[in-house]
Amino acid sequence: MDWTKIRVDVSGFKAEPESKSIAEDLFNKAIKSIPREYYPVVRHVVIEDRKIQHKYQADVRLDKFKLCLGLDYLCDYYASKKANGQKTP
């Protein structure tokens, strides 16, 4: 790549693909199925791919419990979609 040449980003001129907006909508609906008190730990572990780390073991256990409950809600969301015959990604 020649760093001396001027480069122009043309991505702003392209329309957003419909599949992207559909995927974002499905993602947002799935996230909304997780109760507010469980979402932070689900985001931390699943989306950010980080470990649960705390100074005290009791806090680690609490976050693991919240993670399991949050994932249960997410599983229930996808299971209900499948039971209703809706397509899941």
C-alpha atoms as a PDB file:
ATOM      1  CA  MET A   1       0.000   0.000   0.000  1.00  0.00           C
ATOM      2  CA  ASP A   2       1.318   3.374  -0.951  1.00  0.00           C
ATOM      3  CA  TRP A   3       0.820   5.688   2.034  1.00  0.00           C
ATOM      4  CA  THR A   4       1.676   8.773  -0.023  1.00  0.00           C
ATOM      5  CA  LYS A   5      -1.449   8.447  -2.196  1.00  0.00           C
ATOM      6  CA  ILE A   6      -4.675  10.050  -1.098  1.00  0.00           C
ATOM      7  CA  ARG A   7      -7.342   7.474  -0.317  1.00  0.00           C
ATOM      8  CA  VAL A   8     -11.051   8.097  -0.363  1.00  0.00           C
ATOM      9  CA  ASP A   9     -13.494   6.038   1.637  1.00  0.00           C
ATOM     10  CA  VAL A  10     -16.535   5.333  -0.520  1.00  0.00           C
ATOM     11  CA  SER A  11     -18.376   3.196   1.993  1.00  0.00           C
ATOM     12  CA  GLY A  12     -20.637   6.129   2.872  1.00  0.00           C
ATOM     13  CA  PHE A  13     -22.055   6.114  -0.645  1.00  0.00           C
ATOM     14  CA  LYS A  14     -23.275   2.514  -0.503  1.00  0.00           C
ATOM     15  CA  ALA A  15     -26.684   1.673   0.860  1.00  0.00           C
ATOM     16  CA  GLU A  16     -26.759  -0.521   3.938  1.00  0.00           C
ATOM     17  CA  PRO A  17     -27.641  -4.089   2.963  1.00  0.00           C
ATOM     18  CA  GLU A  18     -31.081  -5.225   4.060  1.00  0.00           C
ATOM     19  CA  SER A  19     -29.592  -8.344   5.650  1.00  0.00           C
ATOM     20  CA  LYS A  20     -27.548  -6.171   8.008  1.00  0.00           C
ATOM     21  CA  SER A  21     -30.588  -4.279   9.252  1.00  0.00           C
ATOM     22  CA  ILE A  22     -32.500  -7.554   9.684  1.00  0.00           C
ATOM     23  CA  ALA A  23     -29.604  -9.041  11.675  1.00  0.00           C
ATOM     24  CA  GLU A  24     -29.385  -5.927  13.860  1.00  0.00           C
ATOM     25  CA  ASP A  25     -33.124  -6.088  14.511  1.00  0.00           C
ATOM     26  CA  LEU A  26     -32.926  -9.778  15.493  1.00  0.00           C
ATOM     27  CA  PHE A  27     -29.942  -9.065  17.751  1.00  0.00           C
ATOM     28  CA  ASN A  28     -31.730  -6.189  19.484  1.00  0.00           C
ATOM     29  CA  LYS A  29     -34.859  -8.277  20.063  1.00  0.00           C
ATOM     30  CA  ALA A  30     -32.767 -11.088  21.542  1.00  0.00           C
ATOM     31  CA  ILE A  31     -30.926  -8.676  23.832  1.00  0.00           C
ATOM     32  CA  LYS A  32     -34.234  -7.207  25.028  1.00  0.00           C
ATOM     33  CA  SER A  33     -35.311 -10.688  26.133  1.00  0.00           C
ATOM     34  CA  ILE A  34     -32.606 -10.627  28.830  1.00  0.00           C
ATOM     35  CA  PRO A  35     -33.699  -8.826  32.029  1.00  0.00           C
ATOM     36  CA  ARG A  36     -31.799  -5.671  32.877  1.00  0.00           C
ATOM     37  CA  GLU A  37     -30.169  -7.122  36.012  1.00  0.00           C
ATOM     38  CA  TYR A  38     -28.577  -9.999  34.044  1.00  0.00           C
ATOM     39  CA  TYR A  39     -27.620  -8.192  30.844  1.00  0.00           C
ATOM     40  CA  PRO A  40     -24.318  -6.624  32.050  1.00  0.00           C
ATOM     41  CA  VAL A  41     -22.700  -9.965  32.876  1.00  0.00           C
ATOM     42  CA  VAL A  42     -24.071 -11.595  29.694  1.00  0.00           C
ATOM     43  CA  ARG A  43     -22.617  -8.729  27.649  1.00  0.00           C
ATOM     44  CA  HIS A  44     -19.308  -8.944  29.518  1.00  0.00           C
ATOM     45  CA  VAL A  45     -18.860 -12.673  28.906  1.00  0.00           C
ATOM     46  CA  VAL A  46     -20.674 -13.377  25.637  1.00  0.00           C
ATOM     47  CA  ILE A  47     -20.295 -10.217  23.585  1.00  0.00           C
ATOM     48  CA  GLU A  48     -17.014  -8.851  24.936  1.00  0.00           C
ATOM     49  CA  ASP A  49     -15.514 -12.364  25.382  1.00  0.00           C
ATOM     50  CA  ARG A  50     -14.104 -11.518  28.808  1.00  0.00           C
ATOM     51  CA  LYS A  51     -13.766 -13.555  31.988  1.00  0.00           C
ATOM     52  CA  ILE A  52     -15.654 -13.027  35.213  1.00  0.00           C
ATOM     53  CA  GLN A  53     -13.090 -11.764  37.680  1.00  0.00           C
ATOM     54  CA  HIS A  54     -13.655 -10.340  41.145  1.00  0.00           C
ATOM     55  CA  LYS A  55     -11.634 -10.027  44.294  1.00  0.00           C
ATOM     56  CA  TYR A  56     -14.107 -12.137  46.266  1.00  0.00           C
ATOM     57  CA  GLN A  57     -15.294 -15.611  45.286  1.00  0.00           C
ATOM     58  CA  ALA A  58     -18.865 -14.796  46.349  1.00  0.00           C
ATOM     59  CA  ASP A  59     -19.006 -12.052  43.699  1.00  0.00           C
ATOM     60  CA  VAL A  60     -17.722 -14.474  41.059  1.00  0.00           C
ATOM     61  CA  ARG A  61     -20.427 -16.997  42.012  1.00  0.00           C
ATOM     62  CA  LEU A  62     -23.110 -14.313  41.894  1.00  0.00           C
ATOM     63  CA  ASP A  63     -22.045 -13.213  38.413  1.00  0.00           C
ATOM     64  CA  LYS A  64     -21.941 -16.835  37.211  1.00  0.00           C
ATOM     65  CA  PHE A  65     -25.467 -17.296  38.555  1.00  0.00           C
ATOM     66  CA  LYS A  66     -26.620 -14.120  36.781  1.00  0.00           C
ATOM     67  CA  LEU A  67     -24.916 -15.299  33.584  1.00  0.00           C
ATOM     68  CA  CYS A  68     -26.772 -18.621  33.723  1.00  0.00           C
ATOM     69  CA  LEU A  69     -30.103 -16.903  34.319  1.00  0.00           C
ATOM     70  CA  GLY A  70     -29.487 -14.413  31.514  1.00  0.00           C
ATOM     71  CA  LEU A  71     -28.577 -17.198  29.115  1.00  0.00           C
ATOM     72  CA  ASP A  72     -31.695 -19.110  30.185  1.00  0.00           C
ATOM     73  CA  TYR A  73     -33.808 -16.128  29.129  1.00  0.00           C
ATOM     74  CA  LEU A  74     -31.951 -15.986  25.824  1.00  0.00           C
ATOM     75  CA  CYS A  75     -32.502 -19.711  25.251  1.00  0.00           C
ATOM     76  CA  ASP A  76     -36.193 -19.322  26.063  1.00  0.00           C
ATOM     77  CA  TYR A  77     -36.409 -16.487  23.537  1.00  0.00           C
ATOM     78  CA  TYR A  78     -34.907 -18.590  20.738  1.00  0.00           C
ATOM     79  CA  ALA A  79     -36.879 -21.696  21.743  1.00  0.00           C
ATOM     80  CA  SER A  80     -40.147 -19.754  21.571  1.00  0.00           C
ATOM     81  CA  LYS A  81     -39.220 -18.432  18.127  1.00  0.00           C
ATOM     82  CA  LYS A  82     -38.499 -21.967  16.937  1.00  0.00           C
ATOM     83  CA  ALA A  83     -41.754 -23.283  18.445  1.00  0.00           C
ATOM     84  CA  ASN A  84     -43.674 -20.553  16.611  1.00  0.00           C
ATOM     85  CA  GLY A  85     -42.047 -21.542  13.327  1.00  0.00           C
ATOM     86  CA  GLN A  86     -40.018 -18.359  13.024  1.00  0.00           C
ATOM     87  CA  LYS A  87     -36.609 -18.527  11.424  1.00  0.00           C
ATOM     88  CA  THR A  88     -33.647 -18.103  13.805  1.00  0.00           C
ATOM     89  CA  PRO A  89     -30.194 -17.102  12.628  1.00  0.00           C
END
